[in-house]
Amino acid sequence: MTTVDDVRDLAKTLPLSAEVFVRGRIKFRVGRVVWLAFSHDGTEMGFAFPKEWRQALVDSEPEKFVLPGSCDLKYNWAEARLGALDPDEMRDLVLEAWSMVVPKYVVEDYLRNQGAPVAAEQRV
């Protein structure tokens, strides 16, 4: 089971990411772009995710993933139930969401510093 604190601990380490509080909710931004947010009760995490893959994500594991509210459907956004995510899955979702909003070179530098391989298409 993943908690808000688990996600925050990772998100705080990501370059250009800043934690903010907006209307009583914890959110993470890069500049003015929100890429990660938590529900008021801390049971769900919203994250940057490609619109075109969102329905497939929800359909694949509806007990874990949900569509965002109607006002957020226009954004590249999906939501997950934190209690259903294991730590590795959470890490992948958070890193992918963050990588959608930062320059590619920032992602490459971060991965290189973490000792992770950088994919060939990212090196171009």
C-alpha atoms as a PDB file:
ATOM      1  CA  MET A   1       0.000   0.000   0.000  1.00  0.00           C
ATOM      2  CA  THR A   2       1.240   3.452  -0.922  1.00  0.00           C
ATOM      3  CA  THR A   3       0.682   6.571   1.174  1.00  0.00           C
ATOM      4  CA  VAL A   4       0.682  10.284   0.408  1.00  0.00           C
ATOM      5  CA  ASP A   5       3.967  10.573   2.315  1.00  0.00           C
ATOM      6  CA  ASP A   6       5.565   7.890   0.120  1.00  0.00           C
ATOM      7  CA  VAL A   7       4.630   9.836  -3.003  1.00  0.00           C
ATOM      8  CA  ARG A   8       5.688  13.185  -1.518  1.00  0.00           C
ATOM      9  CA  ASP A   9       9.082  11.782  -0.539  1.00  0.00           C
ATOM     10  CA  LEU A  10       9.727  10.841  -4.170  1.00  0.00           C
ATOM     11  CA  ALA A  11       8.165  13.914  -5.790  1.00  0.00           C
ATOM     12  CA  LYS A  12      10.254  16.274  -3.626  1.00  0.00           C
ATOM     13  CA  THR A  13      13.462  14.765  -5.038  1.00  0.00           C
ATOM     14  CA  LEU A  14      12.579  15.449  -8.677  1.00  0.00           C
ATOM     15  CA  PRO A  15      14.306  18.400 -10.343  1.00  0.00           C
ATOM     16  CA  LEU A  16      12.162  21.514 -10.939  1.00  0.00           C
ATOM     17  CA  SER A  17       9.301  20.035  -8.882  1.00  0.00           C
ATOM     18  CA  ALA A  18       7.754  22.186  -6.157  1.00  0.00           C
ATOM     19  CA  GLU A  19       5.180  21.216  -3.553  1.00  0.00           C
ATOM     20  CA  VAL A  20       2.320  23.670  -3.073  1.00  0.00           C
ATOM     21  CA  PHE A  21      -0.934  23.779  -1.117  1.00  0.00           C
ATOM     22  CA  VAL A  22      -3.972  24.894  -3.090  1.00  0.00           C
ATOM     23  CA  ARG A  23      -7.383  25.042  -1.419  1.00  0.00           C
ATOM     24  CA  GLY A  24      -6.275  22.562   1.216  1.00  0.00           C
ATOM     25  CA  ARG A  25      -4.810  20.069  -1.249  1.00  0.00           C
ATOM     26  CA  ILE A  26      -1.213  19.017  -1.755  1.00  0.00           C
ATOM     27  CA  LYS A  27      -0.065  19.482  -5.336  1.00  0.00           C
ATOM     28  CA  PHE A  28       3.231  19.356  -7.172  1.00  0.00           C
ATOM     29  CA  ARG A  29       4.093  21.766  -9.941  1.00  0.00           C
ATOM     30  CA  VAL A  30       6.783  22.391 -12.460  1.00  0.00           C
ATOM     31  CA  GLY A  31       6.496  26.100 -13.047  1.00  0.00           C
ATOM     32  CA  ARG A  32       2.758  26.738 -13.257  1.00  0.00           C
ATOM     33  CA  VAL A  33       1.902  23.232 -14.496  1.00  0.00           C
ATOM     34  CA  VAL A  34       0.394  20.861 -11.928  1.00  0.00           C
ATOM     35  CA  TRP A  35       1.600  17.338 -12.608  1.00  0.00           C
ATOM     36  CA  LEU A  36       0.599  15.571  -9.380  1.00  0.00           C
ATOM     37  CA  ALA A  37      -2.157  16.177  -6.818  1.00  0.00           C
ATOM     38  CA  PHE A  38      -3.932  14.416  -3.976  1.00  0.00           C
ATOM     39  CA  SER A  39      -7.580  14.254  -3.033  1.00  0.00           C
ATOM     40  CA  HIS A  40      -8.601  16.099   0.142  1.00  0.00           C
ATOM     41  CA  ASP A  41      -8.819  12.820   2.046  1.00  0.00           C
ATOM     42  CA  GLY A  42      -5.489  11.530   0.691  1.00  0.00           C
ATOM     43  CA  THR A  43      -6.939   8.354  -0.799  1.00  0.00           C
ATOM     44  CA  GLU A  44      -6.449   9.272  -4.465  1.00  0.00           C
ATOM     45  CA  MET A  45      -3.601  10.667  -6.499  1.00  0.00           C
ATOM     46  CA  GLY A  46      -4.134  12.580  -9.727  1.00  0.00           C
ATOM     47  CA  PHE A  47      -1.223  12.596 -12.130  1.00  0.00           C
ATOM     48  CA  ALA A  48      -0.218  13.754 -15.594  1.00  0.00           C
ATOM     49  CA  PHE A  49      -1.092  11.025 -18.078  1.00  0.00           C
ATOM     50  CA  PRO A  50      -1.761  11.059 -21.836  1.00  0.00           C
ATOM     51  CA  LYS A  51      -5.460  11.569 -22.607  1.00  0.00           C
ATOM     52  CA  GLU A  52      -5.366   9.085 -25.468  1.00  0.00           C
ATOM     53  CA  TRP A  53      -4.268   6.235 -23.157  1.00  0.00           C
ATOM     54  CA  ARG A  54      -6.363   7.167 -20.133  1.00  0.00           C
ATOM     55  CA  GLN A  55      -9.439   5.042 -20.897  1.00  0.00           C
ATOM     56  CA  ALA A  56      -7.277   1.978 -21.570  1.00  0.00           C
ATOM     57  CA  LEU A  57      -5.527   2.515 -18.216  1.00  0.00           C
ATOM     58  CA  VAL A  58      -8.837   2.690 -16.360  1.00  0.00           C
ATOM     59  CA  ASP A  59     -10.297  -0.274 -18.261  1.00  0.00           C
ATOM     60  CA  SER A  60      -7.207  -2.394 -17.533  1.00  0.00           C
ATOM     61  CA  GLU A  61      -7.501  -2.052 -13.741  1.00  0.00           C
ATOM     62  CA  PRO A  62     -10.714  -0.269 -12.704  1.00  0.00           C
ATOM     63  CA  GLU A  63     -10.133  -1.147  -9.053  1.00  0.00           C
ATOM     64  CA  LYS A  64      -6.919   0.877  -9.193  1.00  0.00           C
ATOM     65  CA  PHE A  65      -7.449   3.666 -11.739  1.00  0.00           C
ATOM     66  CA  VAL A  66     -10.324   6.094 -12.337  1.00  0.00           C
ATOM     67  CA  LEU A  67     -11.116   8.829 -14.808  1.00  0.00           C
ATOM     68  CA  PRO A  68     -10.690  12.365 -13.535  1.00  0.00           C
ATOM     69  CA  GLY A  69     -13.708  14.503 -12.769  1.00  0.00           C
ATOM     70  CA  SER A  70     -15.544  16.032 -15.714  1.00  0.00           C
ATOM     71  CA  CYS A  71     -13.778  19.392 -15.348  1.00  0.00           C
ATOM     72  CA  ASP A  72     -10.382  17.668 -15.680  1.00  0.00           C
ATOM     73  CA  LEU A  73     -11.179  15.474 -18.698  1.00  0.00           C
ATOM     74  CA  LYS A  74      -9.745  18.099 -21.043  1.00  0.00           C
ATOM     75  CA  TYR A  75      -6.317  17.718 -19.440  1.00  0.00           C
ATOM     76  CA  ASN A  76      -3.688  14.989 -19.720  1.00  0.00           C
ATOM     77  CA  TRP A  77      -4.748  13.576 -16.360  1.00  0.00           C
ATOM     78  CA  ALA A  78      -5.701  10.301 -14.674  1.00  0.00           C
ATOM     79  CA  GLU A  79      -6.293   9.257 -11.093  1.00  0.00           C
ATOM     80  CA  ALA A  80      -5.280   6.278  -8.970  1.00  0.00           C
ATOM     81  CA  ARG A  81      -6.368   4.890  -5.636  1.00  0.00           C
ATOM     82  CA  LEU A  82      -3.234   5.108  -3.485  1.00  0.00           C
ATOM     83  CA  GLY A  83      -4.105   2.065  -1.394  1.00  0.00           C
ATOM     84  CA  ALA A  84      -4.118  -0.099  -4.525  1.00  0.00           C
ATOM     85  CA  LEU A  85      -0.639   0.922  -5.727  1.00  0.00           C
ATOM     86  CA  ASP A  86       2.497  -0.945  -4.798  1.00  0.00           C
ATOM     87  CA  PRO A  87       5.664   1.138  -4.295  1.00  0.00           C
ATOM     88  CA  ASP A  88       7.240   0.236  -7.660  1.00  0.00           C
ATOM     89  CA  GLU A  89       4.060   1.044  -9.554  1.00  0.00           C
ATOM     90  CA  MET A  90       3.726   4.362  -7.735  1.00  0.00           C
ATOM     91  CA  ARG A  91       7.321   5.230  -8.575  1.00  0.00           C
ATOM     92  CA  ASP A  92       6.750   4.490 -12.271  1.00  0.00           C
ATOM     93  CA  LEU A  93       3.556   6.583 -12.389  1.00  0.00           C
ATOM     94  CA  VAL A  94       5.168   9.527 -10.604  1.00  0.00           C
ATOM     95  CA  LEU A  95       8.288   9.492 -12.767  1.00  0.00           C
ATOM     96  CA  GLU A  96       6.264   9.230 -15.979  1.00  0.00           C
ATOM     97  CA  ALA A  97       3.954  12.061 -14.895  1.00  0.00           C
ATOM     98  CA  TRP A  98       6.902  14.299 -14.007  1.00  0.00           C
ATOM     99  CA  SER A  99       8.665  13.463 -17.276  1.00  0.00           C
ATOM    100  CA  MET A 100       5.645  14.786 -19.203  1.00  0.00           C
ATOM    101  CA  VAL A 101       6.181  18.319 -17.882  1.00  0.00           C
ATOM    102  CA  VAL A 102       9.942  18.815 -17.751  1.00  0.00           C
ATOM    103  CA  PRO A 103      12.395  19.130 -20.635  1.00  0.00           C
ATOM    104  CA  LYS A 104      13.786  15.817 -21.910  1.00  0.00           C
ATOM    105  CA  TYR A 105      17.330  16.714 -20.901  1.00  0.00           C
ATOM    106  CA  VAL A 106      16.176  17.090 -17.266  1.00  0.00           C
ATOM    107  CA  VAL A 107      14.703  13.575 -17.349  1.00  0.00           C
ATOM    108  CA  GLU A 108      17.866  12.195 -18.967  1.00  0.00           C
ATOM    109  CA  ASP A 109      20.105  13.857 -16.369  1.00  0.00           C
ATOM    110  CA  TYR A 110      17.931  12.602 -13.515  1.00  0.00           C
ATOM    111  CA  LEU A 111      17.910   9.024 -14.826  1.00  0.00           C
ATOM    112  CA  ARG A 112      21.647   9.101 -15.462  1.00  0.00           C
ATOM    113  CA  ASN A 113      22.281  10.340 -11.904  1.00  0.00           C
ATOM    114  CA  GLN A 114      20.067   7.559 -10.557  1.00  0.00           C
ATOM    115  CA  GLY A 115      22.078   4.977 -12.482  1.00  0.00           C
ATOM    116  CA  ALA A 116      19.133   4.094 -14.702  1.00  0.00           C
ATOM    117  CA  PRO A 117      19.703   3.406 -18.382  1.00  0.00           C
ATOM    118  CA  VAL A 118      18.596   6.151 -20.742  1.00  0.00           C
ATOM    119  CA  ALA A 119      16.588   4.787 -23.666  1.00  0.00           C
ATOM    120  CA  ALA A 120      18.127   5.180 -27.145  1.00  0.00           C
ATOM    121  CA  GLU A 121      15.242   7.383 -28.346  1.00  0.00           C
ATOM    122  CA  GLN A 122      15.874   9.720 -25.419  1.00  0.00           C
ATOM    123  CA  ARG A 123      19.522  10.164 -26.399  1.00  0.00           C
ATOM    124  CA  VAL A 124      18.748  11.610 -29.827  1.00  0.00           C
END
